């Protein structure tokens, strides 16, 4: 299982939100490049980055911070937030992003996901963020009527590289991940699933690791708070 240390970008800084609320952001590092390098130096194989401003604006906002991250590390970076059209997908991939994450547009324009997967094999992930079991979009500001599994099944045959499942009600509050819902999703689809939201301890990582169909786990606040040591977590997930 792969650990994806998270860098959430707001106004150029590394932050963590509680329950997806932009007004409840804690700044952890003003230098995203340095933060990414510290993760890579600790042994991280991937880094997970979200342009929070971009998720709300519907277009990239923190491009400078993303560029700083790409310059600072050689490990692959996956990026989500504000990626809503093919031109933006292409631009990020050309700039060195290994994998783009399509969230809002996966609900609103699923054909774009299919087209992007065909054009850029292995470099497109889908982010499904859930609130009360329903898909949330536009930076989690809107909740749809569509269930998580219903959306995930739309992409089972088009070559999506990974599905990142976030339980918003667990995100940023260190309440533990929704292991049951995440494992059930992984069991129901063929796309590799990455768990996100609520990871607070090594015990949480052990609970997720017990489900072999999960490809990875994203952790943010617990790392910044010192509850999870990146190097130790990587060793645990590799055992």
Protein backbone atom coordinates (compact mmCIF):
# COMPACT_ATOMS: atom_id res chain seq x y z
CA UNK A 1 0.00 0.00 0.00
CA UNK A 2 1.27 3.45 -0.94
CA UNK A 3 1.28 6.43 1.42
CA UNK A 4 0.40 9.69 -0.32
CA UNK A 5 1.41 12.63 1.91
CA UNK A 6 -0.94 15.50 1.13
CA UNK A 7 -0.25 19.11 0.30
CA UNK A 8 -3.40 21.22 0.14
CA UNK A 9 -2.74 24.64 -1.35
CA UNK A 10 -4.61 27.79 -0.35
CA UNK A 11 -3.27 31.21 -1.33
CA UNK A 12 0.12 29.67 -2.08
CA UNK A 13 0.56 28.03 1.33
CA UNK A 14 0.25 24.45 2.63
CA UNK A 15 -2.93 24.23 4.71
CA UNK A 16 -5.39 21.72 6.09
CA UNK A 17 -9.12 22.26 6.21
CA UNK A 18 -11.66 20.88 8.65
CA UNK A 19 -14.66 19.23 7.00
CA UNK A 20 -13.73 20.89 3.72
CA UNK A 21 -14.47 24.42 4.96
CA UNK A 22 -12.19 27.04 3.40
CA UNK A 23 -12.83 29.41 6.30
CA UNK A 24 -11.47 26.80 8.72
CA UNK A 25 -7.95 26.46 7.34
CA UNK A 26 -4.77 25.96 9.36
CA UNK A 27 -1.53 27.05 7.68
CA UNK A 28 1.28 24.55 8.20
CA UNK A 29 3.97 25.70 5.78
CA UNK A 30 4.44 28.79 3.62
CA UNK A 31 6.89 26.95 1.34
CA UNK A 32 5.16 24.15 -0.60
CA UNK A 33 8.39 23.15 -2.35
CA UNK A 34 10.19 22.64 0.95
CA UNK A 35 7.25 20.67 2.29
CA UNK A 36 7.25 18.39 -0.73
CA UNK A 37 11.01 17.86 -0.43
CA UNK A 38 10.66 16.86 3.22
CA UNK A 39 8.12 14.22 2.22
CA UNK A 40 10.35 12.91 -0.56
CA UNK A 41 13.37 12.87 1.75
CA UNK A 42 11.35 10.74 4.20
CA UNK A 43 10.81 8.15 1.49
CA UNK A 44 7.44 9.13 -0.01
CA UNK A 45 6.92 7.50 -3.41
CA UNK A 46 4.13 9.87 -4.40
CA UNK A 47 2.89 13.28 -3.30
CA UNK A 48 -0.77 14.24 -3.40
CA UNK A 49 -1.52 17.90 -4.13
CA UNK A 50 -4.83 19.77 -4.20
CA UNK A 51 -5.34 23.32 -5.45
CA UNK A 52 -8.10 24.28 -3.01
CA UNK A 53 -8.64 27.74 -4.49
CA UNK A 54 -8.81 26.13 -7.90
CA UNK A 55 -11.49 23.68 -6.77
CA UNK A 56 -13.76 26.60 -5.92
CA UNK A 57 -12.76 28.80 -8.86
CA UNK A 58 -13.06 26.01 -11.43
CA UNK A 59 -9.62 26.76 -12.83
CA UNK A 60 -6.00 26.51 -11.59
CA UNK A 61 -5.12 29.19 -9.04
CA UNK A 62 -2.00 27.97 -7.22
CA UNK A 63 0.11 27.28 -10.31
CA UNK A 64 3.17 28.94 -8.81
CA UNK A 65 3.06 26.73 -5.74
CA UNK A 66 2.57 23.62 -7.87
CA UNK A 67 5.56 24.58 -10.00
CA UNK A 68 7.65 24.99 -6.83
CA UNK A 69 6.68 21.47 -5.76
CA UNK A 70 7.61 20.02 -9.15
CA UNK A 71 10.99 21.75 -9.05
CA UNK A 72 11.69 20.50 -5.54
CA UNK A 73 11.08 16.77 -6.01
CA UNK A 74 11.61 13.99 -8.52
CA UNK A 75 8.93 11.65 -7.14
CA UNK A 76 5.61 11.58 -9.01
CA UNK A 77 2.98 14.14 -8.08
CA UNK A 78 -0.77 13.77 -8.51
CA UNK A 79 -2.83 16.96 -8.63
CA UNK A 80 -6.50 17.82 -8.28
CA UNK A 81 -8.52 21.02 -7.94
CA UNK A 82 -9.93 23.17 -10.72
CA UNK A 83 -9.12 20.79 -13.57
CA UNK A 84 -12.23 21.02 -15.72
CA UNK A 85 -11.18 20.77 -19.39
CA UNK A 86 -8.79 18.94 -21.71
CA UNK A 87 -6.54 21.96 -22.18
CA UNK A 88 -5.89 22.19 -18.43
CA UNK A 89 -5.28 18.44 -18.20
CA UNK A 90 -2.76 18.61 -21.04
CA UNK A 91 -1.02 21.67 -19.62
CA UNK A 92 -0.49 20.10 -16.19
CA UNK A 93 0.78 16.83 -17.62
CA UNK A 94 3.19 18.67 -19.89
CA UNK A 95 4.49 20.63 -16.89
CA UNK A 96 5.41 17.45 -15.07
CA UNK A 97 2.34 16.36 -13.10
CA UNK A 98 2.29 12.56 -13.29
CA UNK A 99 -1.44 12.14 -12.73
CA UNK A 100 -4.35 14.57 -12.76
CA UNK A 101 -7.38 14.06 -10.52
CA UNK A 102 -10.78 14.87 -12.01
CA UNK A 103 -13.50 15.49 -9.43
CA UNK A 104 -16.31 17.93 -10.19
CA UNK A 105 -16.01 17.36 -13.93
CA UNK A 106 -16.31 13.59 -13.43
CA UNK A 107 -19.87 14.19 -12.27
CA UNK A 108 -20.76 17.00 -14.65
CA UNK A 109 -18.95 15.81 -17.80
CA UNK A 110 -18.07 12.11 -17.53
CA UNK A 111 -17.21 11.98 -21.24
CA UNK A 112 -14.24 14.25 -20.55
CA UNK A 113 -12.89 11.61 -18.16
CA UNK A 114 -13.25 8.94 -20.82
CA UNK A 115 -11.60 11.10 -23.47
CA UNK A 116 -8.73 12.05 -21.14
CA UNK A 117 -8.10 8.41 -20.19
CA UNK A 118 -7.91 7.49 -23.86
CA UNK A 119 -5.57 10.37 -24.67
CA UNK A 120 -3.37 10.04 -21.58
CA UNK A 121 -3.39 6.35 -20.51
CA UNK A 122 -2.54 5.76 -16.87
CA UNK A 123 -2.39 9.46 -16.04
CA UNK A 124 -5.99 10.23 -15.08
CA UNK A 125 -7.56 9.57 -11.68
CA UNK A 126 -11.08 10.29 -10.51
CA UNK A 127 -11.73 11.93 -7.17
CA UNK A 128 -15.03 11.08 -5.53
CA UNK A 129 -15.78 13.13 -2.45
CA UNK A 130 -18.75 11.97 -0.40
CA UNK A 131 -20.97 13.69 2.11
CA UNK A 132 -23.61 11.47 3.62
CA UNK A 133 -22.93 8.91 0.91
CA UNK A 134 -23.63 11.40 -1.90
CA UNK A 135 -21.11 12.93 -4.28
CA UNK A 136 -20.02 16.48 -3.43
CA UNK A 137 -18.55 18.85 -6.02
CA UNK A 138 -17.31 22.42 -6.54
CA UNK A 139 -14.78 22.23 -3.73
CA UNK A 140 -17.34 20.33 -1.61
CA UNK A 141 -19.64 23.36 -1.68
CA UNK A 142 -22.41 21.42 -3.45
CA UNK A 143 -23.81 17.94 -2.79
CA UNK A 144 -25.44 16.01 -5.63
CA UNK A 145 -28.12 13.34 -5.52
CA UNK A 146 -25.81 10.73 -7.01
CA UNK A 147 -24.40 7.94 -4.86
CA UNK A 148 -20.67 7.24 -4.73
CA UNK A 149 -20.89 3.77 -6.25
CA UNK A 150 -23.20 4.98 -9.02
CA UNK A 151 -20.60 7.51 -10.14
CA UNK A 152 -17.66 5.12 -9.74
CA UNK A 153 -19.32 2.52 -11.97
CA UNK A 154 -19.50 5.02 -14.83
CA UNK A 155 -15.73 4.72 -15.24
CA UNK A 156 -15.13 1.03 -14.76
CA UNK A 157 -14.22 0.37 -18.38
CA UNK A 158 -12.35 3.48 -19.53
CA UNK A 159 -8.91 3.08 -17.99
CA UNK A 160 -9.07 5.32 -14.91
CA UNK A 161 -5.73 4.87 -13.12
CA UNK A 162 -7.12 5.26 -9.59
CA UNK A 163 -10.19 6.36 -7.71
CA UNK A 164 -9.58 8.63 -4.72
CA UNK A 165 -12.42 8.33 -2.22
CA UNK A 166 -12.76 11.02 0.44
CA UNK A 167 -15.32 11.00 3.22
CA UNK A 168 -15.78 14.74 3.83
CA UNK A 169 -17.30 14.19 7.24
CA UNK A 170 -14.00 12.64 8.35
CA UNK A 171 -11.61 14.99 6.56
CA UNK A 172 -9.26 17.08 8.63
CA UNK A 173 -10.78 16.17 12.00
CA UNK A 174 -8.64 13.11 12.85
CA UNK A 175 -11.74 11.01 13.50
CA UNK A 176 -10.46 7.94 11.69
CA UNK A 177 -11.16 6.95 8.09
CA UNK A 178 -14.42 5.43 6.95
CA UNK A 179 -12.83 2.02 6.50
CA UNK A 180 -16.07 0.12 5.88
CA UNK A 181 -17.32 2.43 3.11
CA UNK A 182 -13.90 2.65 1.48
CA UNK A 183 -13.38 -1.12 1.51
CA UNK A 184 -16.90 -1.72 0.21
CA UNK A 185 -16.24 0.63 -2.70
CA UNK A 186 -12.94 -1.12 -3.52
CA UNK A 187 -14.69 -4.49 -3.46
CA UNK A 188 -17.43 -3.26 -5.81
CA UNK A 189 -15.27 -1.87 -8.62
CA UNK A 190 -12.19 -2.86 -10.59
CA UNK A 191 -10.48 0.56 -10.38
CA UNK A 192 -7.74 0.77 -7.71
CA UNK A 193 -9.02 2.79 -4.74
CA UNK A 194 -7.04 5.27 -2.64
CA UNK A 195 -8.50 6.12 0.77
CA UNK A 196 -8.65 9.70 2.01
CA UNK A 197 -10.09 11.57 4.96
CA UNK A 198 -9.77 11.13 8.71
CA UNK A 199 -6.52 9.17 8.96
CA UNK A 200 -5.15 9.99 12.42
CA UNK A 201 -2.78 7.22 13.50
CA UNK A 202 -0.74 4.19 12.54
CA UNK A 203 -3.66 2.08 13.74
CA UNK A 204 -5.82 3.71 11.07
CA UNK A 205 -3.22 2.76 8.49
CA UNK A 206 -3.21 -0.82 9.79
CA UNK A 207 -7.01 -0.96 9.48
CA UNK A 208 -6.85 0.19 5.87
CA UNK A 209 -3.94 -2.09 5.06
CA UNK A 210 -6.05 -5.07 6.10
CA UNK A 211 -8.04 -4.58 2.89
CA UNK A 212 -5.74 -5.75 0.07
CA UNK A 213 -7.80 -4.15 -2.70
CA UNK A 214 -6.94 -0.66 -1.44
CA UNK A 215 -3.98 0.71 -3.38
CA UNK A 216 -3.07 3.58 -1.11
CA UNK A 217 -3.97 6.10 1.56
CA UNK A 218 -3.72 9.88 1.69
CA UNK A 219 -2.78 11.59 4.95
CA UNK A 220 -2.44 15.27 5.71
CA UNK A 221 -3.26 16.78 9.08
CA UNK A 222 -2.01 13.78 11.07
CA UNK A 223 1.38 14.15 9.40
CA UNK A 224 1.55 17.88 10.02
CA UNK A 225 0.43 17.43 13.63
CA UNK A 226 3.13 14.82 14.22
CA UNK A 227 0.68 11.99 14.87
CA UNK A 228 2.05 10.09 11.89
CA UNK A 229 5.72 9.97 10.92
CA UNK A 230 6.03 9.62 7.16
CA UNK A 231 9.03 7.27 7.19
CA UNK A 232 7.47 5.06 9.87
CA UNK A 233 4.14 4.96 8.05
CA UNK A 234 5.80 3.96 4.80
CA UNK A 235 7.63 1.11 6.54
CA UNK A 236 4.36 -0.08 8.09
CA UNK A 237 2.50 -0.07 4.77
CA UNK A 238 5.36 -1.90 3.02
CA UNK A 239 5.58 -4.72 5.58
